[in-house]
Amino acid sequence: METNFQPSHTKKDVSMRRLLNILGLFIFAGTALTNITTPLPSTEDTKQFLYCIVGSAFIYYLLVNIYFTGQIGRKVVLTTLFLLGCFSIFMAIYLAINPVSH
């Protein structure tokens, strides 16, 4: 009996996954470094800025690594990105209609 073994990850998938992980490292590290070059006025603003970067990085790496798990992972990631895009458009319209008073 002969088994037909096919790896779930091709060399192209592994290199693309690695590229996206390295790219994310540069993006989020560079964004965090902007706080050093242009400091925010208060420590509370700095904390919120860093929380936003950490949350965004967590979502980015989670989605990148789920994407490369297989066909179901790709559907999950694309659905999540679609929902995030719809939510962003909804929030842009909502904030244009109801501006935040400062």
N, C-alpha and C. Protein backbone atom coordinates (compact mmCIF):
# COMPACT_ATOMS: atom_id res chain seq x y z
N MET A 1 0.84 -1.16 0.00
CA MET A 1 0.00 0.00 0.00
C MET A 1 0.90 1.24 0.00
N GLU A 2 0.59 2.15 -0.85
CA GLU A 2 1.39 3.36 -0.98
C GLU A 2 0.58 4.55 -0.47
N THR A 3 1.20 5.35 0.37
CA THR A 3 0.52 6.54 0.87
C THR A 3 0.95 7.74 0.04
N ASN A 4 -0.01 8.57 -0.21
CA ASN A 4 0.26 9.79 -0.97
C ASN A 4 0.27 10.95 0.00
N PHE A 5 1.46 11.30 0.50
CA PHE A 5 1.61 12.36 1.49
C PHE A 5 1.79 13.69 0.78
N GLN A 6 0.92 14.65 1.12
CA GLN A 6 1.06 16.00 0.59
C GLN A 6 1.13 16.95 1.78
N PRO A 7 2.21 17.71 1.88
CA PRO A 7 2.31 18.63 3.01
C PRO A 7 1.23 19.71 2.93
N SER A 8 0.72 20.12 4.11
CA SER A 8 -0.32 21.13 4.13
C SER A 8 0.22 22.52 3.82
N HIS A 9 1.52 22.72 4.04
CA HIS A 9 2.13 24.01 3.77
C HIS A 9 3.18 23.85 2.68
N THR A 10 3.01 24.59 1.61
CA THR A 10 4.02 24.56 0.57
C THR A 10 5.13 25.54 0.94
N LYS A 11 6.24 25.44 0.21
CA LYS A 11 7.36 26.34 0.48
C LYS A 11 6.95 27.79 0.22
N LYS A 12 6.09 27.99 -0.77
CA LYS A 12 5.62 29.34 -1.10
C LYS A 12 4.79 29.91 0.05
N ASP A 13 3.92 29.07 0.65
CA ASP A 13 3.09 29.52 1.78
C ASP A 13 3.94 29.89 2.98
N VAL A 14 4.95 29.09 3.26
CA VAL A 14 5.81 29.34 4.41
C VAL A 14 6.58 30.64 4.21
N SER A 15 7.10 30.87 3.01
CA SER A 15 7.86 32.10 2.77
C SER A 15 6.94 33.32 2.80
N MET A 16 5.71 33.21 2.32
CA MET A 16 4.78 34.33 2.37
C MET A 16 4.37 34.62 3.81
N ARG A 17 4.15 33.57 4.57
CA ARG A 17 3.80 33.74 5.99
C ARG A 17 4.94 34.44 6.74
N ARG A 18 6.14 34.01 6.47
CA ARG A 18 7.31 34.62 7.12
C ARG A 18 7.46 36.08 6.70
N LEU A 19 7.26 36.37 5.42
CA LEU A 19 7.35 37.73 4.92
C LEU A 19 6.31 38.62 5.60
N LEU A 20 5.07 38.15 5.72
CA LEU A 20 4.03 38.95 6.35
C LEU A 20 4.30 39.16 7.84
N ASN A 21 4.85 38.16 8.51
CA ASN A 21 5.21 38.33 9.93
C ASN A 21 6.33 39.35 10.11
N ILE A 22 7.33 39.31 9.25
CA ILE A 22 8.43 40.28 9.32
C ILE A 22 7.93 41.67 8.96
N LEU A 23 7.09 41.77 7.97
CA LEU A 23 6.52 43.05 7.58
C LEU A 23 5.71 43.65 8.72
N GLY A 24 4.94 42.83 9.41
CA GLY A 24 4.18 43.30 10.56
C GLY A 24 5.09 43.80 11.67
N LEU A 25 6.21 43.13 11.87
CA LEU A 25 7.17 43.57 12.88
C LEU A 25 7.67 44.97 12.57
N PHE A 26 8.04 45.22 11.33
CA PHE A 26 8.51 46.55 10.94
C PHE A 26 7.40 47.60 11.06
N ILE A 27 6.19 47.26 10.65
CA ILE A 27 5.08 48.21 10.71
C ILE A 27 4.79 48.61 12.15
N PHE A 28 4.62 47.64 13.03
CA PHE A 28 4.21 47.96 14.39
C PHE A 28 5.36 48.52 15.22
N ALA A 29 6.58 48.07 14.98
CA ALA A 29 7.73 48.64 15.68
C ALA A 29 7.94 50.09 15.24
N GLY A 30 7.79 50.35 13.96
CA GLY A 30 7.93 51.71 13.46
C GLY A 30 6.85 52.63 13.99
N THR A 31 5.65 52.11 14.10
CA THR A 31 4.56 52.91 14.65
C THR A 31 4.82 53.21 16.12
N ALA A 32 5.32 52.24 16.86
CA ALA A 32 5.63 52.47 18.28
C ALA A 32 6.78 53.47 18.43
N LEU A 33 7.73 53.45 17.51
CA LEU A 33 8.85 54.39 17.59
C LEU A 33 8.43 55.83 17.33
N THR A 34 7.30 56.05 16.69
CA THR A 34 6.84 57.43 16.47
C THR A 34 6.57 58.12 17.80
N ASN A 35 6.27 57.37 18.84
CA ASN A 35 6.06 57.98 20.14
C ASN A 35 7.36 58.55 20.70
N ILE A 36 8.50 58.01 20.30
CA ILE A 36 9.80 58.55 20.74
C ILE A 36 10.15 59.80 19.96
N THR A 37 9.89 59.78 18.66
CA THR A 37 10.25 60.94 17.84
C THR A 37 9.27 62.10 18.02
N THR A 38 8.02 61.81 18.25
CA THR A 38 7.00 62.83 18.47
C THR A 38 6.18 62.43 19.69
N PRO A 39 6.64 62.79 20.89
CA PRO A 39 5.95 62.35 22.09
C PRO A 39 4.54 62.95 22.21
N LEU A 40 3.66 62.17 22.80
CA LEU A 40 2.30 62.64 23.03
C LEU A 40 2.27 63.50 24.29
N PRO A 41 1.27 64.39 24.41
CA PRO A 41 1.28 65.36 25.50
C PRO A 41 1.14 64.77 26.91
N SER A 42 0.45 63.67 27.08
CA SER A 42 0.27 63.12 28.42
C SER A 42 0.57 61.63 28.44
N THR A 43 0.79 61.11 29.65
CA THR A 43 1.06 59.69 29.77
C THR A 43 -0.18 58.86 29.48
N GLU A 44 -1.36 59.41 29.74
CA GLU A 44 -2.61 58.70 29.43
C GLU A 44 -2.76 58.53 27.92
N ASP A 45 -2.43 59.57 27.16
CA ASP A 45 -2.47 59.46 25.70
C ASP A 45 -1.46 58.44 25.20
N THR A 46 -0.28 58.42 25.80
CA THR A 46 0.75 57.46 25.41
C THR A 46 0.29 56.03 25.68
N LYS A 47 -0.34 55.81 26.85
CA LYS A 47 -0.85 54.47 27.16
C LYS A 47 -1.90 54.03 26.15
N GLN A 48 -2.82 54.92 25.82
CA GLN A 48 -3.87 54.58 24.86
C GLN A 48 -3.27 54.29 23.49
N PHE A 49 -2.27 55.07 23.10
CA PHE A 49 -1.59 54.86 21.82
C PHE A 49 -0.93 53.48 21.77
N LEU A 50 -0.24 53.12 22.84
CA LEU A 50 0.44 51.82 22.88
C LEU A 50 -0.56 50.67 22.97
N TYR A 51 -1.67 50.87 23.70
CA TYR A 51 -2.72 49.84 23.73
C TYR A 51 -3.28 49.61 22.32
N CYS A 52 -3.46 50.67 21.59
CA CYS A 52 -3.97 50.56 20.21
C CYS A 52 -2.99 49.79 19.33
N ILE A 53 -1.70 50.09 19.46
CA ILE A 53 -0.70 49.39 18.66
C ILE A 53 -0.64 47.91 19.04
N VAL A 54 -0.66 47.60 20.33
CA VAL A 54 -0.59 46.21 20.77
C VAL A 54 -1.83 45.45 20.31
N GLY A 55 -3.01 46.06 20.44
CA GLY A 55 -4.24 45.42 19.99
C GLY A 55 -4.24 45.18 18.49
N SER A 56 -3.79 46.17 17.74
CA SER A 56 -3.73 46.02 16.28
C SER A 56 -2.73 44.94 15.88
N ALA A 57 -1.59 44.91 16.54
CA ALA A 57 -0.58 43.89 16.24
C ALA A 57 -1.12 42.50 16.56
N PHE A 58 -1.82 42.37 17.69
CA PHE A 58 -2.39 41.08 18.07
C PHE A 58 -3.38 40.59 17.01
N ILE A 59 -4.26 41.47 16.57
CA ILE A 59 -5.24 41.09 15.54
C ILE A 59 -4.53 40.75 14.23
N TYR A 60 -3.53 41.55 13.85
CA TYR A 60 -2.79 41.31 12.61
C TYR A 60 -2.13 39.93 12.61
N TYR A 61 -1.36 39.64 13.67
CA TYR A 61 -0.65 38.36 13.72
C TYR A 61 -1.62 37.19 13.84
N LEU A 62 -2.69 37.37 14.57
CA LEU A 62 -3.70 36.32 14.68
C LEU A 62 -4.28 36.00 13.31
N LEU A 63 -4.67 37.03 12.56
CA LEU A 63 -5.27 36.80 11.24
C LEU A 63 -4.27 36.23 10.24
N VAL A 64 -3.03 36.71 10.27
CA VAL A 64 -2.02 36.18 9.35
C VAL A 64 -1.79 34.70 9.60
N ASN A 65 -1.67 34.32 10.86
CA ASN A 65 -1.37 32.92 11.17
C ASN A 65 -2.59 32.02 10.99
N ILE A 66 -3.79 32.53 11.20
CA ILE A 66 -4.99 31.74 10.91
C ILE A 66 -5.13 31.53 9.41
N TYR A 67 -4.80 32.55 8.63
CA TYR A 67 -4.93 32.47 7.17
C TYR A 67 -4.16 31.29 6.60
N PHE A 68 -2.99 31.01 7.15
CA PHE A 68 -2.14 29.96 6.59
C PHE A 68 -2.40 28.58 7.21
N THR A 69 -3.48 28.42 7.99
CA THR A 69 -3.77 27.10 8.55
C THR A 69 -4.49 26.20 7.55
N GLY A 70 -5.17 26.77 6.58
CA GLY A 70 -5.86 25.96 5.60
C GLY A 70 -7.01 26.72 4.96
N GLN A 71 -7.83 26.00 4.22
CA GLN A 71 -8.92 26.62 3.48
C GLN A 71 -9.95 27.25 4.41
N ILE A 72 -10.26 26.59 5.52
CA ILE A 72 -11.23 27.15 6.46
C ILE A 72 -10.67 28.42 7.10
N GLY A 73 -9.38 28.41 7.41
CA GLY A 73 -8.73 29.59 7.98
C GLY A 73 -8.80 30.77 7.04
N ARG A 74 -8.65 30.53 5.76
CA ARG A 74 -8.73 31.62 4.78
C ARG A 74 -10.12 32.21 4.73
N LYS A 75 -11.14 31.35 4.80
CA LYS A 75 -12.51 31.84 4.80
C LYS A 75 -12.80 32.65 6.06
N VAL A 76 -12.28 32.19 7.20
CA VAL A 76 -12.48 32.91 8.45
C VAL A 76 -11.82 34.29 8.38
N VAL A 77 -10.61 34.35 7.88
CA VAL A 77 -9.88 35.62 7.79
C VAL A 77 -10.58 36.57 6.83
N LEU A 78 -10.97 36.09 5.67
CA LEU A 78 -11.62 36.97 4.70
C LEU A 78 -12.96 37.47 5.22
N THR A 79 -13.71 36.63 5.91
CA THR A 79 -14.97 37.06 6.51
C THR A 79 -14.72 38.10 7.59
N THR A 80 -13.71 37.88 8.42
CA THR A 80 -13.38 38.83 9.47
C THR A 80 -12.96 40.17 8.88
N LEU A 81 -12.14 40.15 7.83
CA LEU A 81 -11.72 41.40 7.19
C LEU A 81 -12.90 42.13 6.56
N PHE A 82 -13.83 41.38 5.97
CA PHE A 82 -15.03 41.99 5.40
C PHE A 82 -15.85 42.67 6.49
N LEU A 83 -16.03 41.98 7.62
CA LEU A 83 -16.81 42.56 8.72
C LEU A 83 -16.11 43.78 9.32
N LEU A 84 -14.80 43.73 9.47
CA LEU A 84 -14.05 44.89 9.97
C LEU A 84 -14.16 46.08 9.01
N GLY A 85 -14.13 45.81 7.72
CA GLY A 85 -14.29 46.87 6.73
C GLY A 85 -15.67 47.50 6.79
N CYS A 86 -16.70 46.67 6.91
CA CYS A 86 -18.08 47.20 7.03
C CYS A 86 -18.23 48.02 8.30
N PHE A 87 -17.66 47.54 9.41
CA PHE A 87 -17.73 48.28 10.66
C PHE A 87 -17.00 49.62 10.56
N SER A 88 -15.87 49.65 9.87
CA SER A 88 -15.12 50.90 9.70
C SER A 88 -15.92 51.91 8.90
N ILE A 89 -16.57 51.46 7.83
CA ILE A 89 -17.40 52.37 7.03
C ILE A 89 -18.57 52.88 7.86
N PHE A 90 -19.21 51.97 8.62
CA PHE A 90 -20.32 52.37 9.48
C PHE A 90 -19.86 53.42 10.50
N MET A 91 -18.71 53.22 11.14
CA MET A 91 -18.22 54.16 12.14
C MET A 91 -17.85 55.50 11.51
N ALA A 92 -17.30 55.50 10.30
CA ALA A 92 -16.97 56.75 9.63
C ALA A 92 -18.24 57.56 9.36
N ILE A 93 -19.28 56.89 8.90
CA ILE A 93 -20.55 57.59 8.64
C ILE A 93 -21.16 58.07 9.95
N TYR A 94 -21.15 57.23 10.97
CA TYR A 94 -21.72 57.59 12.26
C TYR A 94 -21.00 58.80 12.86
N LEU A 95 -19.67 58.81 12.81
CA LEU A 95 -18.92 59.93 13.37
C LEU A 95 -19.05 61.18 12.53
N ALA A 96 -19.30 61.06 11.23
CA ALA A 96 -19.54 62.23 10.41
C ALA A 96 -20.88 62.87 10.76
N ILE A 97 -21.86 62.04 11.08
CA ILE A 97 -23.19 62.56 11.44
C ILE A 97 -23.22 63.06 12.89
N ASN A 98 -22.54 62.36 13.79
CA ASN A 98 -22.52 62.69 15.22
C ASN A 98 -21.09 63.01 15.65
N PRO A 99 -20.61 64.24 15.42
CA PRO A 99 -19.23 64.55 15.78
C PRO A 99 -19.02 64.54 17.29
N VAL A 100 -17.80 64.23 17.68
CA VAL A 100 -17.44 64.19 19.10
C VAL A 100 -17.07 65.60 19.53
N SER A 101 -17.69 66.07 20.62
CA SER A 101 -17.35 67.41 21.11
C SER A 101 -16.11 67.31 21.99
N HIS A 102 -15.23 68.29 21.86
CA HIS A 102 -13.99 68.28 22.64
C HIS A 102 -14.09 69.32 23.72
